[in-house]
PDB file of N, CA and C in Angstrom:
ATOM      1  N   MET A   1      67.335   1.449  76.637  1.00  0.00           N
ATOM      2  CA  MET A   1      68.367   2.398  77.077  1.00  0.00           C
ATOM      3  C   MET A   1      68.822   1.948  78.543  1.00  0.00           C
ATOM      4  N   GLU A   2      70.149   1.780  78.668  1.00  0.00           N
ATOM      5  CA  GLU A   2      70.648   1.492  80.056  1.00  0.00           C
ATOM      6  C   GLU A   2      70.844   2.793  80.812  1.00  0.00           C
ATOM      7  N   ILE A   3      70.631   2.810  82.052  1.00  0.00           N
ATOM      8  CA  ILE A   3      70.886   4.012  82.854  1.00  0.00           C
ATOM      9  C   ILE A   3      71.792   3.651  84.084  1.00  0.00           C
ATOM     10  N   GLU A   4      72.396   4.665  84.536  1.00  0.00           N
ATOM     11  CA  GLU A   4      73.206   4.645  85.713  1.00  0.00           C
ATOM     12  C   GLU A   4      72.669   5.599  86.743  1.00  0.00           C
ATOM     13  N   THR A   5      72.873   5.346  88.006  1.00  0.00           N
ATOM     14  CA  THR A   5      72.378   6.234  89.027  1.00  0.00           C
ATOM     15  C   THR A   5      73.467   6.432  90.113  1.00  0.00           C
ATOM     16  N   ALA A   6      73.425   7.455  90.770  1.00  0.00           N
ATOM     17  CA  ALA A   6      74.360   7.700  91.910  1.00  0.00           C
ATOM     18  C   ALA A   6      73.522   8.514  92.946  1.00  0.00           C
ATOM     19  N   ASP A   7      73.761   8.095  94.225  1.00  0.00           N
ATOM     20  CA  ASP A   7      73.157   8.862  95.283  1.00  0.00           C
ATOM     21  C   ASP A   7      74.219   9.543  96.171  1.00  0.00           C
ATOM     22  N   LEU A   8      73.893  10.767  96.639  1.00  0.00           N
ATOM     23  CA  LEU A   8      74.829  11.537  97.440  1.00  0.00           C
ATOM     24  C   LEU A   8      74.049  12.206  98.630  1.00  0.00           C
ATOM     25  N   ARG A   9      74.577  12.052  99.833  1.00  0.00           N
ATOM     26  CA  ARG A   9      74.124  12.726 101.014  1.00  0.00           C
ATOM     27  C   ARG A   9      75.004  13.778 101.269  1.00  0.00           C
ATOM     28  N   LEU A  10      74.600  15.025 101.223  1.00  0.00           N
ATOM     29  CA  LEU A  10      75.487  16.192 101.547  1.00  0.00           C
ATOM     30  C   LEU A  10      75.157  16.636 102.887  1.00  0.00           C
ATOM     31  N   PRO A  11      76.168  16.576 103.829  1.00  0.00           N
ATOM     32  CA  PRO A  11      75.938  16.853 105.224  1.00  0.00           C
ATOM     33  C   PRO A  11      75.899  18.404 105.502  1.00  0.00           C
ATOM     34  N   PHE A  12      75.221  19.083 104.725  1.00  0.00           N
ATOM     35  CA  PHE A  12      75.185  20.649 104.852  1.00  0.00           C
ATOM     36  C   PHE A  12      73.694  21.030 105.048  1.00  0.00           C
ATOM     37  N   ARG A  13      73.383  22.098 105.710  1.00  0.00           N
ATOM     38  CA  ARG A  13      72.107  22.596 105.787  1.00  0.00           C
ATOM     39  C   ARG A  13      71.792  23.205 104.418  1.00  0.00           C
ATOM     40  N   PRO A  14      70.443  23.105 103.965  1.00  0.00           N
ATOM     41  CA  PRO A  14      70.147  23.632 102.691  1.00  0.00           C
ATOM     42  C   PRO A  14      70.213  25.191 102.813  1.00  0.00           C
ATOM     43  N   MET A  15      70.645  25.737 101.670  1.00  0.00           N
ATOM     44  CA  MET A  15      70.855  27.204 101.658  1.00  0.00           C
ATOM     45  C   MET A  15      70.222  27.717 100.287  1.00  0.00           C
ATOM     46  N   SER A  16      69.492  28.774 100.269  1.00  0.00           N
ATOM     47  CA  SER A  16      68.930  29.322  99.112  1.00  0.00           C
ATOM     48  C   SER A  16      69.947  30.257  98.471  1.00  0.00           C
ATOM     49  N   LYS A  17      69.910  30.157  97.023  1.00  0.00           N
ATOM     50  CA  LYS A  17      70.828  31.043  96.285  1.00  0.00           C
ATOM     51  C   LYS A  17      70.260  32.489  96.356  1.00  0.00           C
ATOM     52  N   PRO A  18      71.091  33.385  96.911  1.00  0.00           N
ATOM     53  CA  PRO A  18      70.584  34.716  97.001  1.00  0.00           C
ATOM     54  C   PRO A  18      70.701  35.530  95.702  1.00  0.00           C
ATOM     55  N   ARG A  19      70.116  36.641  95.589  1.00  0.00           N
ATOM     56  CA  ARG A  19      70.225  37.517  94.472  1.00  0.00           C
ATOM     57  C   ARG A  19      71.637  38.241  94.579  1.00  0.00           C
ATOM     58  N   PRO A  20      72.236  38.468  93.503  1.00  0.00           N
ATOM     59  CA  PRO A  20      73.503  39.265  93.624  1.00  0.00           C
ATOM     60  C   PRO A  20      73.272  40.679  94.222  1.00  0.00           C
ATOM     61  N   ARG A  21      74.183  41.058  95.094  1.00  0.00           N
ATOM     62  CA  ARG A  21      74.112  42.350  95.751  1.00  0.00           C
ATOM     63  C   ARG A  21      74.858  43.446  94.912  1.00  0.00           C
ATOM     64  N   THR A  22      74.424  44.628  95.054  1.00  0.00           N
ATOM     65  CA  THR A  22      75.096  45.786  94.349  1.00  0.00           C
ATOM     66  C   THR A  22      75.267  46.945  95.206  1.00  0.00           C
ATOM     67  N   SER A  23      76.352  47.647  94.923  1.00  0.00           N
ATOM     68  CA  SER A  23      76.586  48.779  95.634  1.00  0.00           C
ATOM     69  C   SER A  23      77.088  49.848  94.631  1.00  0.00           C
ATOM     70  N   PRO A  24      76.803  51.078  94.782  1.00  0.00           N
ATOM     71  CA  PRO A  24      77.234  52.103  93.815  1.00  0.00           C
ATOM     72  C   PRO A  24      78.747  52.065  93.618  1.00  0.00           C
ATOM     73  N   GLY A  25      79.132  52.001  92.274  1.00  0.00           N
ATOM     74  CA  GLY A  25      80.547  51.962  91.957  1.00  0.00           C
ATOM     75  C   GLY A  25      81.195  50.607  92.020  1.00  0.00           C
ATOM     76  N   ARG A  26      80.383  49.515  92.423  1.00  0.00           N
ATOM     77  CA  ARG A  26      81.038  48.121  92.510  1.00  0.00           C
ATOM     78  C   ARG A  26      80.242  47.262  91.617  1.00  0.00           C
ATOM     79  N   LYS A  27      80.964  46.188  91.198  1.00  0.00           N
ATOM     80  CA  LYS A  27      80.383  45.136  90.335  1.00  0.00           C
ATOM     81  C   LYS A  27      79.355  44.371  91.263  1.00  0.00           C
ATOM     82  N   PRO A  28      78.410  43.677  90.824  1.00  0.00           N
ATOM     83  CA  PRO A  28      77.573  42.853  91.570  1.00  0.00           C
ATOM     84  C   PRO A  28      78.328  41.737  92.215  1.00  0.00           C
ATOM     85  N   TYR A  29      77.918  41.412  93.455  1.00  0.00           N
ATOM     86  CA  TYR A  29      78.636  40.349  94.148  1.00  0.00           C
ATOM     87  C   TYR A  29      77.668  39.484  94.831  1.00  0.00           C
ATOM     88  N   MET A  30      78.050  38.228  95.268  1.00  0.00           N
ATOM     89  CA  MET A  30      77.224  37.318  95.902  1.00  0.00           C
ATOM     90  C   MET A  30      77.620  37.362  97.428  1.00  0.00           C
ATOM     91  N   ASP A  31      76.659  37.104  98.221  1.00  0.00           N
ATOM     92  CA  ASP A  31      76.731  37.037  99.633  1.00  0.00           C
ATOM     93  C   ASP A  31      77.940  36.089 100.087  1.00  0.00           C
ATOM     94  N   HIS A  32      78.677  36.614 101.025  1.00  0.00           N
ATOM     95  CA  HIS A  32      79.881  35.861 101.524  1.00  0.00           C
ATOM     96  C   HIS A  32      79.537  34.512 102.132  1.00  0.00           C
ATOM     97  N   ASP A  33      78.421  34.399 102.893  1.00  0.00           N
ATOM     98  CA  ASP A  33      78.024  33.148 103.502  1.00  0.00           C
ATOM     99  C   ASP A  33      77.644  32.141 102.430  1.00  0.00           C
ATOM    100  N   TYR A  34      76.969  32.608 101.336  1.00  0.00           N
ATOM    101  CA  TYR A  34      76.548  31.713 100.213  1.00  0.00           C
ATOM    102  C   TYR A  34      77.879  31.256  99.570  1.00  0.00           C
ATOM    103  N   MET A  35      78.741  32.106  99.269  1.00  0.00           N
ATOM    104  CA  MET A  35      79.912  31.686  98.489  1.00  0.00           C
ATOM    105  C   MET A  35      80.740  30.647  99.394  1.00  0.00           C
ATOM    106  N   GLU A  36      80.851  30.817 100.655  1.00  0.00           N
ATOM    107  CA  GLU A  36      81.536  29.782 101.477  1.00  0.00           C
ATOM    108  C   GLU A  36      80.779  28.532 101.380  1.00  0.00           C
ATOM    109  N   TRP A  37      79.455  28.556 101.589  1.00  0.00           N
ATOM    110  CA  TRP A  37      78.658  27.329 101.547  1.00  0.00           C
ATOM    111  C   TRP A  37      78.820  26.582 100.182  1.00  0.00           C
ATOM    112  N   ARG A  38      78.808  27.373  99.104  1.00  0.00           N
ATOM    113  CA  ARG A  38      79.036  26.734  97.742  1.00  0.00           C
ATOM    114  C   ARG A  38      80.322  26.122  97.633  1.00  0.00           C
ATOM    115  N   ARG A  39      81.430  26.780  98.167  1.00  0.00           N
ATOM    116  CA  ARG A  39      82.689  26.122  98.096  1.00  0.00           C
ATOM    117  C   ARG A  39      82.872  24.948  98.877  1.00  0.00           C
ATOM    118  N   ASN A  40      82.205  24.868 100.015  1.00  0.00           N
ATOM    119  CA  ASN A  40      82.239  23.635 100.843  1.00  0.00           C
ATOM    120  C   ASN A  40      81.448  22.553 100.181  1.00  0.00           C
ATOM    121  N   VAL A  41      80.272  22.773  99.681  1.00  0.00           N
ATOM    122  CA  VAL A  41      79.424  21.762  99.065  1.00  0.00           C
ATOM    123  C   VAL A  41      80.212  21.258  97.837  1.00  0.00           C
ATOM    124  N   ARG A  42      80.734  22.218  97.049  1.00  0.00           N
ATOM    125  CA  ARG A  42      81.485  21.787  95.859  1.00  0.00           C
ATOM    126  C   ARG A  42      82.694  20.929  96.192  1.00  0.00           C
ATOM    127  N   ALA A  43      83.427  21.236  97.192  1.00  0.00           N
ATOM    128  CA  ALA A  43      84.491  20.379  97.651  1.00  0.00           C
ATOM    129  C   ALA A  43      84.075  19.018  98.040  1.00  0.00           C
ATOM    130  N   TYR A  44      83.030  18.913  98.802  1.00  0.00           N
ATOM    131  CA  TYR A  44      82.402  17.665  99.218  1.00  0.00           C
ATOM    132  C   TYR A  44      82.017  16.809  97.962  1.00  0.00           C
ATOM    133  N   MET A  45      81.325  17.572  96.977  1.00  0.00           N
ATOM    134  CA  MET A  45      80.932  16.884  95.725  1.00  0.00           C
ATOM    135  C   MET A  45      82.119  16.362  94.984  1.00  0.00           C
ATOM    136  N   GLY A  46      83.244  17.140  95.035  1.00  0.00           N
ATOM    137  CA  GLY A  46      84.420  16.777  94.294  1.00  0.00           C
ATOM    138  C   GLY A  46      85.160  15.606  94.824  1.00  0.00           C
ATOM    139  N   GLU A  47      85.064  15.275  96.101  1.00  0.00           N
ATOM    140  CA  GLU A  47      85.622  14.262  96.706  1.00  0.00           C
ATOM    141  C   GLU A  47      84.747  12.976  96.494  1.00  0.00           C
ATOM    142  N   TRP A  48      83.499  13.149  96.147  1.00  0.00           N
ATOM    143  CA  TRP A  48      82.569  12.010  95.903  1.00  0.00           C
ATOM    144  C   TRP A  48      82.629  11.631  94.428  1.00  0.00           C
ATOM    145  N   TRP A  49      82.557  12.632  93.485  1.00  0.00           N
ATOM    146  CA  TRP A  49      82.361  12.375  92.151  1.00  0.00           C
ATOM    147  C   TRP A  49      83.694  12.276  91.408  1.00  0.00           C
ATOM    148  N   ALA A  50      84.052  11.028  90.894  1.00  0.00           N
ATOM    149  CA  ALA A  50      85.320  10.770  90.285  1.00  0.00           C
ATOM    150  C   ALA A  50      85.273  10.789  88.747  1.00  0.00           C
ATOM    151  N   LYS A  51      84.045  10.897  88.206  1.00  0.00           N
ATOM    152  CA  LYS A  51      83.943  10.884  86.707  1.00  0.00           C
ATOM    153  C   LYS A  51      83.947  12.195  86.139  1.00  0.00           C
ATOM    154  N   PRO A  52      84.182  12.254  84.801  1.00  0.00           N
ATOM    155  CA  PRO A  52      84.118  13.563  84.104  1.00  0.00           C
ATOM    156  C   PRO A  52      82.649  14.090  84.287  1.00  0.00           C
ATOM    157  N   PRO A  53      82.489  15.416  84.047  1.00  0.00           N
ATOM    158  CA  PRO A  53      81.189  15.978  84.193  1.00  0.00           C
ATOM    159  C   PRO A  53      80.229  15.325  83.072  1.00  0.00           C
ATOM    160  N   LEU A  54      78.913  15.066  83.521  1.00  0.00           N
ATOM    161  CA  LEU A  54      77.953  14.412  82.663  1.00  0.00           C
ATOM    162  C   LEU A  54      77.467  15.524  81.584  1.00  0.00           C
ATOM    163  N   THR A  55      77.285  15.119  80.421  1.00  0.00           N
ATOM    164  CA  THR A  55      76.741  15.931  79.373  1.00  0.00           C
ATOM    165  C   THR A  55      75.328  15.829  79.225  1.00  0.00           C
ATOM    166  N   PHE A  56      74.678  14.753  79.884  1.00  0.00           N
ATOM    167  CA  PHE A  56      73.178  14.672  79.868  1.00  0.00           C
ATOM    168  C   PHE A  56      72.760  13.887  81.072  1.00  0.00           C
ATOM    169  N   ILE A  57      71.780  14.401  81.751  1.00  0.00           N
ATOM    170  CA  ILE A  57      71.187  13.840  82.899  1.00  0.00           C
ATOM    171  C   ILE A  57      69.750  13.643  82.711  1.00  0.00           C
ATOM    172  N   ASN A  58      69.246  12.403  82.793  1.00  0.00           N
ATOM    173  CA  ASN A  58      67.770  12.149  82.644  1.00  0.00           C
ATOM    174  C   ASN A  58      66.940  12.824  83.743  1.00  0.00           C
ATOM    175  N   CYS A  59      67.425  12.747  84.950  1.00  0.00           N
ATOM    176  CA  CYS A  59      66.738  13.347  86.079  1.00  0.00           C
ATOM    177  C   CYS A  59      67.634  13.580  87.296  1.00  0.00           C
ATOM    178  N   LEU A  60      67.439  14.739  87.876  1.00  0.00           N
ATOM    179  CA  LEU A  60      68.171  15.070  89.070  1.00  0.00           C
ATOM    180  C   LEU A  60      67.109  15.192  90.190  1.00  0.00           C
ATOM    181  N   VAL A  61      67.223  14.354  91.255  1.00  0.00           N
ATOM    182  CA  VAL A  61      66.369  14.390  92.368  1.00  0.00           C
ATOM    183  C   VAL A  61      67.056  15.039  93.539  1.00  0.00           C
ATOM    184  N   VAL A  62      66.452  16.074  94.142  1.00  0.00           N
ATOM    185  CA  VAL A  62      67.043  16.688  95.207  1.00  0.00           C
ATOM    186  C   VAL A  62      66.084  16.889  96.344  1.00  0.00           C
ATOM    187  N   HIS A  63      66.319  16.283  97.553  1.00  0.00           N
ATOM    188  CA  HIS A  63      65.517  16.473  98.744  1.00  0.00           C
ATOM    189  C   HIS A  63      66.356  17.247  99.805  1.00  0.00           C
ATOM    190  N   PHE A  64      65.566  18.279 100.311  1.00  0.00           N
ATOM    191  CA  PHE A  64      66.289  19.227 101.258  1.00  0.00           C
ATOM    192  C   PHE A  64      65.543  18.909 102.633  1.00  0.00           C
ATOM    193  N   TYR A  65      66.418  18.666 103.622  1.00  0.00           N
ATOM    194  CA  TYR A  65      65.966  18.422 104.926  1.00  0.00           C
ATOM    195  C   TYR A  65      66.507  19.578 105.877  1.00  0.00           C
ATOM    196  N   GLY A  66      65.611  20.260 106.518  1.00  0.00           N
ATOM    197  CA  GLY A  66      66.050  21.334 107.416  1.00  0.00           C
ATOM    198  C   GLY A  66      64.761  22.227 107.752  1.00  0.00           C
ATOM    199  N   PRO A  67      65.130  23.302 108.394  1.00  0.00           N
ATOM    200  CA  PRO A  67      64.075  24.318 108.729  1.00  0.00           C
ATOM    201  C   PRO A  67      63.389  24.814 107.449  1.00  0.00           C
ATOM    202  N   SER A  68      62.209  25.202 107.629  1.00  0.00           N
ATOM    203  CA  SER A  68      61.416  25.716 106.475  1.00  0.00           C
ATOM    204  C   SER A  68      61.682  27.233 106.266  1.00  0.00           C
ATOM    205  N   ARG A  69      62.696  27.467 105.592  1.00  0.00           N
ATOM    206  CA  ARG A  69      63.104  28.935 105.095  1.00  0.00           C
ATOM    207  C   ARG A  69      63.473  28.900 103.698  1.00  0.00           C
ATOM    208  N   GLY A  70      63.139  29.956 103.049  1.00  0.00           N
ATOM    209  CA  GLY A  70      63.544  30.079 101.582  1.00  0.00           C
ATOM    210  C   GLY A  70      62.621  29.438 100.577  1.00  0.00           C
ATOM    211  N   ASP A  71      62.923  29.740  99.305  1.00  0.00           N
ATOM    212  CA  ASP A  71      62.059  29.179  98.239  1.00  0.00           C
ATOM    213  C   ASP A  71      62.817  27.938  97.762  1.00  0.00           C
ATOM    214  N   LEU A  72      62.048  26.950  97.316  1.00  0.00           N
ATOM    215  CA  LEU A  72      62.565  25.734  96.856  1.00  0.00           C
ATOM    216  C   LEU A  72      63.358  25.957  95.537  1.00  0.00           C
ATOM    217  N   ASP A  73      62.913  26.890  94.655  1.00  0.00           N
ATOM    218  CA  ASP A  73      63.685  27.003  93.430  1.00  0.00           C
ATOM    219  C   ASP A  73      65.091  27.654  93.728  1.00  0.00           C
ATOM    220  N   ASN A  74      65.153  28.529  94.717  1.00  0.00           N
ATOM    221  CA  ASN A  74      66.498  29.032  95.083  1.00  0.00           C
ATOM    222  C   ASN A  74      67.401  28.055  95.678  1.00  0.00           C
ATOM    223  N   ARG A  75      66.835  27.046  96.450  1.00  0.00           N
ATOM    224  CA  ARG A  75      67.709  26.053  96.995  1.00  0.00           C
ATOM    225  C   ARG A  75      68.206  25.140  95.865  1.00  0.00           C
ATOM    226  N   ILE A  76      67.411  24.852  94.970  1.00  0.00           N
ATOM    227  CA  ILE A  76      67.907  24.034  93.793  1.00  0.00           C
ATOM    228  C   ILE A  76      68.959  24.860  93.057  1.00  0.00           C
ATOM    229  N   GLY A  77      68.787  26.088  92.951  1.00  0.00           N
ATOM    230  CA  GLY A  77      69.790  26.984  92.238  1.00  0.00           C
ATOM    231  C   GLY A  77      71.131  26.792  92.914  1.00  0.00           C
ATOM    232  N   ALA A  78      71.154  26.834  94.212  1.00  0.00           N
ATOM    233  CA  ALA A  78      72.394  26.764  95.007  1.00  0.00           C
ATOM    234  C   ALA A  78      73.034  25.387  94.673  1.00  0.00           C
ATOM    235  N   VAL A  79      72.330  24.257  94.687  1.00  0.00           N
ATOM    236  CA  VAL A  79      72.843  22.996  94.411  1.00  0.00           C
ATOM    237  C   VAL A  79      73.411  22.841  93.041  1.00  0.00           C
ATOM    238  N   MET A  80      72.561  23.517  92.033  1.00  0.00           N
ATOM    239  CA  MET A  80      72.988  23.380  90.678  1.00  0.00           C
ATOM    240  C   MET A  80      74.359  24.280  90.495  1.00  0.00           C
ATOM    241  N   ASP A  81      74.443  25.342  91.129  1.00  0.00           N
ATOM    242  CA  ASP A  81      75.734  26.082  91.019  1.00  0.00           C
ATOM    243  C   ASP A  81      76.949  25.335  91.521  1.00  0.00           C
ATOM    244  N   ALA A  82      76.725  24.671  92.765  1.00  0.00           N
ATOM    245  CA  ALA A  82      77.825  23.845  93.248  1.00  0.00           C
ATOM    246  C   ALA A  82      78.342  22.757  92.353  1.00  0.00           C
ATOM    247  N   GLY A  83      77.296  22.058  91.609  1.00  0.00           N
ATOM    248  CA  GLY A  83      77.706  20.948  90.769  1.00  0.00           C
ATOM    249  C   GLY A  83      78.073  21.332  89.388  1.00  0.00           C
ATOM    250  N   ASN A  84      77.912  22.576  89.012  1.00  0.00           N
ATOM    251  CA  ASN A  84      78.289  23.032  87.559  1.00  0.00           C
ATOM    252  C   ASN A  84      79.689  22.865  87.219  1.00  0.00           C
ATOM    253  N   GLY A  85      79.958  22.150  86.138  1.00  0.00           N
ATOM    254  CA  GLY A  85      81.340  21.925  85.677  1.00  0.00           C
ATOM    255  C   GLY A  85      82.091  20.851  86.451  1.00  0.00           C
ATOM    256  N   LEU A  86      81.417  20.240  87.412  1.00  0.00           N
ATOM    257  CA  LEU A  86      81.931  19.144  88.290  1.00  0.00           C
ATOM    258  C   LEU A  86      81.226  17.836  88.021  1.00  0.00           C
ATOM    259  N   ILE A  87      79.924  17.804  88.441  1.00  0.00           N
ATOM    260  CA  ILE A  87      79.108  16.627  88.106  1.00  0.00           C
ATOM    261  C   ILE A  87      78.420  16.780  86.816  1.00  0.00           C
ATOM    262  N   TRP A  88      77.871  17.938  86.421  1.00  0.00           N
ATOM    263  CA  TRP A  88      77.214  18.111  85.067  1.00  0.00           C
ATOM    264  C   TRP A  88      77.975  19.314  84.518  1.00  0.00           C
ATOM    265  N   THR A  89      78.013  19.266  83.113  1.00  0.00           N
ATOM    266  CA  THR A  89      78.741  20.222  82.363  1.00  0.00           C
ATOM    267  C   THR A  89      78.101  21.594  82.530  1.00  0.00           C
ATOM    268  N   ASP A  90      76.771  21.673  82.599  1.00  0.00           N
ATOM    269  CA  ASP A  90      76.109  22.948  82.726  1.00  0.00           C
ATOM    270  C   ASP A  90      74.753  22.575  83.309  1.00  0.00           C
ATOM    271  N   ASP A  91      74.066  23.619  83.885  1.00  0.00           N
ATOM    272  CA  ASP A  91      72.758  23.323  84.424  1.00  0.00           C
ATOM    273  C   ASP A  91      71.562  23.782  83.483  1.00  0.00           C
ATOM    274  N   ASN A  92      71.839  23.886  82.166  1.00  0.00           N
ATOM    275  CA  ASN A  92      70.711  24.242  81.277  1.00  0.00           C
ATOM    276  C   ASN A  92      69.960  23.029  80.843  1.00  0.00           C
ATOM    277  N   VAL A  93      68.754  23.258  80.270  1.00  0.00           N
ATOM    278  CA  VAL A  93      67.793  22.217  80.074  1.00  0.00           C
ATOM    279  C   VAL A  93      68.401  21.150  79.056  1.00  0.00           C
ATOM    280  N   SER A  94      69.315  21.474  78.215  1.00  0.00           N
ATOM    281  CA  SER A  94      69.791  20.484  77.281  1.00  0.00           C
ATOM    282  C   SER A  94      70.762  19.501  77.914  1.00  0.00           C
ATOM    283  N   VAL A  95      71.175  19.756  79.199  1.00  0.00           N
ATOM    284  CA  VAL A  95      71.994  18.936  79.987  1.00  0.00           C
ATOM    285  C   VAL A  95      71.143  18.203  81.081  1.00  0.00           C
ATOM    286  N   ILE A  96      70.416  18.956  81.823  1.00  0.00           N
ATOM    287  CA  ILE A  96      69.622  18.321  82.785  1.00  0.00           C
ATOM    288  C   ILE A  96      68.202  18.483  82.395  1.00  0.00           C
ATOM    289  N   ASN A  97      67.643  17.272  82.033  1.00  0.00           N
ATOM    290  CA  ASN A  97      66.352  17.206  81.365  1.00  0.00           C
ATOM    291  C   ASN A  97      65.221  17.352  82.338  1.00  0.00           C
ATOM    292  N   ALA A  98      65.335  16.904  83.583  1.00  0.00           N
ATOM    293  CA  ALA A  98      64.265  16.883  84.566  1.00  0.00           C
ATOM    294  C   ALA A  98      64.793  17.085  85.970  1.00  0.00           C
ATOM    295  N   ILE A  99      64.098  17.780  86.823  1.00  0.00           N
ATOM    296  CA  ILE A  99      64.485  17.940  88.204  1.00  0.00           C
ATOM    297  C   ILE A  99      63.228  17.665  89.105  1.00  0.00           C
ATOM    298  N   ALA A 100      63.425  16.892  90.064  1.00  0.00           N
ATOM    299  CA  ALA A 100      62.380  16.561  91.053  1.00  0.00           C
ATOM    300  C   ALA A 100      62.937  16.980  92.390  1.00  0.00           C
ATOM    301  N   SER A 101      62.150  17.746  93.134  1.00  0.00           N
ATOM    302  CA  SER A 101      62.594  18.305  94.442  1.00  0.00           C
ATOM    303  C   SER A 101      61.466  18.265  95.487  1.00  0.00           C
ATOM    304  N   ARG A 102      61.955  18.251  96.720  1.00  0.00           N
ATOM    305  CA  ARG A 102      60.967  18.418  97.717  1.00  0.00           C
ATOM    306  C   ARG A 102      61.761  18.934  99.037  1.00  0.00           C
ATOM    307  N   HIS A 103      60.927  19.466  99.960  1.00  0.00           N
ATOM    308  CA  HIS A 103      61.576  19.866 101.258  1.00  0.00           C
ATOM    309  C   HIS A 103      60.884  19.125 102.329  1.00  0.00           C
ATOM    310  N   VAL A 104      61.709  18.667 103.265  1.00  0.00           N
ATOM    311  CA  VAL A 104      61.176  17.877 104.490  1.00  0.00           C
ATOM    312  C   VAL A 104      61.648  18.772 105.789  1.00  0.00           C
ATOM    313  N   LYS A 105      60.638  19.208 106.511  1.00  0.00           N
ATOM    314  CA  LYS A 105      61.067  20.032 107.634  1.00  0.00           C
ATOM    315  C   LYS A 105      61.656  19.189 108.695  1.00  0.00           C
ATOM    316  N   THR A 106      62.837  19.611 109.106  1.00  0.00           N
ATOM    317  CA  THR A 106      63.530  18.904 110.230  1.00  0.00           C
ATOM    318  C   THR A 106      64.224  20.016 111.048  1.00  0.00           C
ATOM    319  N   SER A 107      64.834  19.605 112.132  1.00  0.00           N
ATOM    320  CA  SER A 107      65.622  20.552 112.938  1.00  0.00           C
ATOM    321  C   SER A 107      66.876  20.925 112.197  1.00  0.00           C
ATOM    322  N   THR A 108      67.504  22.014 112.618  1.00  0.00           N
ATOM    323  CA  THR A 108      68.772  22.382 112.084  1.00  0.00           C
ATOM    324  C   THR A 108      69.761  21.362 112.248  1.00  0.00           C
ATOM    325  N   LYS A 109      69.726  20.653 113.416  1.00  0.00           N
ATOM    326  CA  LYS A 109      70.713  19.611 113.649  1.00  0.00           C
ATOM    327  C   LYS A 109      70.665  18.442 112.764  1.00  0.00           C
ATOM    328  N   GLU A 110      69.506  18.170 112.244  1.00  0.00           N
ATOM    329  CA  GLU A 110      69.267  17.074 111.235  1.00  0.00           C
ATOM    330  C   GLU A 110      69.331  17.576 109.837  1.00  0.00           C
ATOM    331  N   ALA A 111      69.625  18.774 109.520  1.00  0.00           N
ATOM    332  CA  ALA A 111      69.709  19.306 108.252  1.00  0.00           C
ATOM    333  C   ALA A 111      70.709  18.594 107.238  1.00  0.00           C
ATOM    334  N   HIS A 112      70.238  18.363 106.010  1.00  0.00           N
ATOM    335  CA  HIS A 112      71.183  17.791 104.985  1.00  0.00           C
ATOM    336  C   HIS A 112      70.453  17.865 103.647  1.00  0.00           C
ATOM    337  N   ILE A 113      71.168  17.457 102.673  1.00  0.00           N
ATOM    338  CA  ILE A 113      70.644  17.450 101.341  1.00  0.00           C
ATOM    339  C   ILE A 113      70.877  15.976 100.724  1.00  0.00           C
ATOM    340  N   PHE A 114      69.849  15.416 100.104  1.00  0.00           N
ATOM    341  CA  PHE A 114      69.986  14.177  99.403  1.00  0.00           C
ATOM    342  C   PHE A 114      69.827  14.385  97.956  1.00  0.00           C
ATOM    343  N   MET A 115      70.714  13.822  97.150  1.00  0.00           N
ATOM    344  CA  MET A 115      70.676  13.965  95.638  1.00  0.00           C
ATOM    345  C   MET A 115      70.734  12.533  95.018  1.00  0.00           C
ATOM    346  N   LYS A 116      69.888  12.383  93.967  1.00  0.00           N
ATOM    347  CA  LYS A 116      70.027  11.203  93.121  1.00  0.00           C
ATOM    348  C   LYS A 116      70.148  11.723  91.740  1.00  0.00           C
ATOM    349  N   ILE A 117      71.133  11.179  91.096  1.00  0.00           N
ATOM    350  CA  ILE A 117      71.413  11.504  89.588  1.00  0.00           C
ATOM    351  C   ILE A 117      71.140  10.318  88.774  1.00  0.00           C
ATOM    352  N   VAL A 118      70.356  10.509  87.710  1.00  0.00           N
ATOM    353  CA  VAL A 118      70.071   9.409  86.810  1.00  0.00           C
ATOM    354  C   VAL A 118      70.512   9.879  85.423  1.00  0.00           C
ATOM    355  N   TRP A 119      71.377   9.050  84.690  1.00  0.00           N
ATOM    356  CA  TRP A 119      71.822   9.400  83.401  1.00  0.00           C
ATOM    357  C   TRP A 119      71.943   8.121  82.596  1.00  0.00           C
ATOM    358  N   PRO A 120      71.916   8.287  81.201  1.00  0.00           N
ATOM    359  CA  PRO A 120      72.098   7.184  80.320  1.00  0.00           C
ATOM    360  C   PRO A 120      73.588   6.711  80.383  1.00  0.00           C
ATOM    361  N   VAL A 121      73.776   5.475  80.120  1.00  0.00           N
ATOM    362  CA  VAL A 121      75.186   4.980  80.077  1.00  0.00           C
ATOM    363  C   VAL A 121      75.702   5.514  78.779  1.00  0.00           C
ATOM    364  N   GLN A 122      76.961   6.097  78.946  1.00  0.00           N
ATOM    365  CA  GLN A 122      77.589   6.821  77.840  1.00  0.00           C
ATOM    366  C   GLN A 122      78.681   6.036  77.233  1.00  0.00           C
TER     367      GLN A 122
END
């Protein structure tokens, strides 16, 4: 099987996906800072990714560089949300077969996200 790969360095500090907030009489909503971060990351991804969304990914590798705050799974969730329907069709297990991630502690000034996408030639 032939594979393709693509690397992307996102010049954004890692952010954890928050839980939706609720207020009496209102629909659940996401934190404003997170929604702005997601829009910015998605726009950057969109400038970089020129192909149709992938229907299958062998492995997504995500390295987070920045201060040690938040849970790794919530950081992955934020990246997955940003790439949904843009780089991959969906973030369910039938589309993204495996995820490898790690966190490297750095200063806020050096914060960024590195992604490697591995998929079969379609």
